[in-house]
Amino acid sequence: MPFWSLESRAQKVIGSVDAYRNFNPHQLTIQEFTDRWLPGLEKDGLAVGVNWAGERATGYDLKPQEVRARLAGSLG
């Protein structure tokens, strides 16, 4: 599941990658992301796509637990 740190990053992928042309970004608070999305992705066995970019929308895929740990370290 892709997530971007800035709406402008998401819009760039939406505007340049055919598979995402009909997508609409939705802004989340950090609280929604950590309390709702990360547990749901973990439960569903999905990875977190972080700031995918380029003509094929590629980037890092992390386990929800990894994202949670990194956020805890940076927000700590």
Protein backbone atom coordinates (compact mmCIF):
# COMPACT_ATOMS: atom_id res chain seq x y z
CA MET A 1 0.00 0.00 0.00
CA PRO A 2 1.69 3.25 -1.07
CA PHE A 3 2.02 6.24 1.23
CA TRP A 4 3.78 9.53 0.56
CA SER A 5 5.16 12.06 3.01
CA LEU A 6 3.88 14.97 0.91
CA GLU A 7 0.77 15.40 -1.23
CA SER A 8 2.94 16.84 -3.99
CA ARG A 9 4.84 13.53 -4.19
CA ALA A 10 1.58 11.60 -4.50
CA GLN A 11 0.28 14.01 -7.14
CA LYS A 12 3.45 13.60 -9.18
CA VAL A 13 2.95 9.81 -9.33
CA ILE A 14 -0.77 10.22 -10.07
CA GLY A 15 0.08 12.55 -12.93
CA SER A 16 2.80 10.42 -14.47
CA VAL A 17 1.98 6.73 -13.84
CA ASP A 18 -0.97 5.30 -15.79
CA ALA A 19 -1.87 2.78 -13.06
CA TYR A 20 -2.50 5.67 -10.64
CA ARG A 21 -4.26 8.14 -12.99
CA ASN A 22 -7.69 7.77 -11.33
CA PHE A 23 -6.41 7.87 -7.76
CA ASN A 24 -7.14 10.71 -5.36
CA PRO A 25 -4.78 11.33 -2.44
CA HIS A 26 -6.19 11.37 1.06
CA GLN A 27 -4.32 13.17 3.82
CA LEU A 28 -3.90 11.31 7.10
CA THR A 29 -2.73 12.55 10.45
CA ILE A 30 0.26 10.75 11.93
CA GLN A 31 -2.13 9.50 14.62
CA GLU A 32 -4.49 7.93 12.04
CA PHE A 33 -1.55 6.38 10.24
CA THR A 34 0.01 4.84 13.35
CA ASP A 35 -3.19 3.89 15.20
CA ARG A 36 -5.35 2.69 12.33
CA TRP A 37 -3.46 2.11 9.12
CA LEU A 38 -0.31 0.40 10.37
CA PRO A 39 -2.20 -2.16 12.50
CA GLY A 40 -4.62 -2.84 9.61
CA LEU A 41 -1.81 -3.33 7.11
CA GLU A 42 -0.02 -5.62 9.54
CA LYS A 43 -3.18 -7.66 10.11
CA ASP A 44 -3.71 -7.98 6.34
CA GLY A 45 -0.08 -8.96 5.72
CA LEU A 46 0.60 -5.93 3.52
CA ALA A 47 3.74 -3.85 3.21
CA VAL A 48 3.99 -0.07 3.37
CA GLY A 49 5.24 1.53 0.16
CA VAL A 50 7.19 4.62 1.20
CA ASN A 51 7.39 7.61 -1.17
CA TRP A 52 7.25 5.60 -4.40
CA ALA A 53 8.47 7.66 -7.34
CA GLY A 54 9.47 7.56 -10.98
CA GLU A 55 7.75 6.38 -14.13
CA ARG A 56 7.01 2.98 -12.56
CA ALA A 57 6.19 4.20 -9.04
CA THR A 58 8.90 2.20 -7.30
CA GLY A 59 10.57 2.64 -3.96
CA TYR A 60 10.90 1.09 -0.55
CA ASP A 61 8.47 -1.47 0.83
CA LEU A 62 8.64 -1.93 4.59
CA LYS A 63 6.78 -4.06 7.09
CA PRO A 64 4.33 -2.03 9.19
CA GLN A 65 6.34 -2.93 12.30
CA GLU A 66 9.47 -1.42 10.70
CA VAL A 67 7.63 1.80 9.87
CA ARG A 68 6.27 2.01 13.42
CA ALA A 69 9.76 1.54 14.89
CA ARG A 70 11.29 4.17 12.58
CA LEU A 71 8.53 6.65 13.39
CA ALA A 72 8.95 6.03 17.13
CA GLY A 73 12.65 6.79 16.78
CA SER A 74 12.13 9.98 14.80
CA LEU A 75 9.17 11.29 16.82
CA GLY A 76 10.57 10.06 20.13
